[in-house]
Amino acid sequence: MQSGSPFQPSALKGLYWQQVAYNIANPKSKPGHTIIGITNLYIAAVCRVTKGQPKAVCQAPGVESAAASLL
């Protein structure tokens, strides 16, 4: 269970929406790396509940890597 934001929203403070979208989509940016990593953890948790379905999502490298860190 998680309470609150899993990352510091201030990392996106002062950015235009286009810059926010770029940062979220770019895993090389610090905010993007953090947000994509957290997203992969959430997806890995859902994949555990759905017994790995859909495979196209649950077998993505980032999701499989995140799944290894779940308890």
Protein backbone atom coordinates (compact mmCIF):
# COMPACT_ATOMS: atom_id res chain seq x y z
CA MET A 1 0.00 0.00 0.00
CA GLN A 2 1.20 3.45 -0.84
CA SER A 3 0.17 6.78 0.56
CA GLY A 4 1.06 10.00 -1.21
CA SER A 5 3.06 10.60 -4.33
CA PRO A 6 5.81 8.09 -5.17
CA PHE A 7 7.98 10.92 -6.53
CA GLN A 8 8.53 14.59 -5.81
CA PRO A 9 6.06 16.60 -7.92
CA SER A 10 8.42 19.56 -7.53
CA ALA A 11 10.63 17.84 -10.13
CA LEU A 12 8.09 19.03 -12.72
CA LYS A 13 7.49 22.46 -11.20
CA GLY A 14 7.67 25.36 -13.64
CA LEU A 15 7.57 23.17 -16.74
CA TYR A 16 5.11 23.56 -19.58
CA TRP A 17 2.87 20.58 -20.28
CA GLN A 18 4.97 19.70 -23.35
CA GLN A 19 8.07 19.55 -21.16
CA VAL A 20 6.26 17.41 -18.59
CA ALA A 21 5.12 15.01 -21.34
CA TYR A 22 8.67 14.84 -22.71
CA ASN A 23 10.12 14.12 -19.27
CA ILE A 24 7.58 11.41 -18.55
CA ALA A 25 8.25 9.72 -21.90
CA ASN A 26 12.04 10.03 -21.71
CA PRO A 27 13.61 7.40 -19.45
CA LYS A 28 16.94 9.26 -19.62
CA SER A 29 15.49 12.28 -17.83
CA LYS A 30 15.50 12.08 -14.04
CA PRO A 31 11.70 12.55 -13.70
CA GLY A 32 11.05 10.14 -16.57
CA HIS A 33 13.34 7.49 -15.10
CA THR A 34 11.59 7.73 -11.74
CA ILE A 35 8.05 7.81 -13.14
CA ILE A 36 8.63 4.97 -15.61
CA GLY A 37 10.24 2.86 -12.87
CA ILE A 38 7.31 3.40 -10.53
CA THR A 39 4.86 2.67 -13.33
CA ASN A 40 6.66 -0.61 -14.06
CA LEU A 41 6.30 -1.58 -10.39
CA TYR A 42 2.56 -0.91 -10.46
CA ILE A 43 2.18 -2.87 -13.70
CA ALA A 44 4.24 -5.75 -12.28
CA ALA A 45 1.91 -5.89 -9.27
CA VAL A 46 -1.15 -6.00 -11.54
CA CYS A 47 0.51 -8.71 -13.65
CA ARG A 48 1.02 -10.80 -10.54
CA VAL A 49 -2.71 -10.60 -9.80
CA THR A 50 -3.68 -11.35 -13.42
CA LYS A 51 -1.23 -14.26 -13.60
CA GLY A 52 0.91 -12.56 -16.24
CA GLN A 53 -1.84 -11.32 -18.52
CA PRO A 54 -1.69 -9.66 -20.92
CA LYS A 55 1.63 -11.22 -21.88
CA ALA A 56 2.62 -8.35 -24.17
CA VAL A 57 2.58 -6.03 -21.17
CA CYS A 58 3.68 -8.37 -18.41
CA GLN A 59 6.69 -9.67 -20.32
CA ALA A 60 8.06 -6.22 -21.16
CA PRO A 61 11.67 -5.99 -19.93
CA GLY A 62 11.01 -3.09 -17.54
CA VAL A 63 7.99 -4.83 -16.03
CA GLU A 64 9.86 -8.12 -15.59
CA SER A 65 12.75 -6.29 -13.97
CA ALA A 66 10.38 -4.49 -11.61
CA ALA A 67 8.60 -7.77 -10.78
CA ALA A 68 11.86 -9.14 -9.41
CA SER A 69 11.81 -6.46 -6.70
CA LEU A 70 8.26 -7.18 -5.52
CA LEU A 71 7.84 -9.04 -2.25
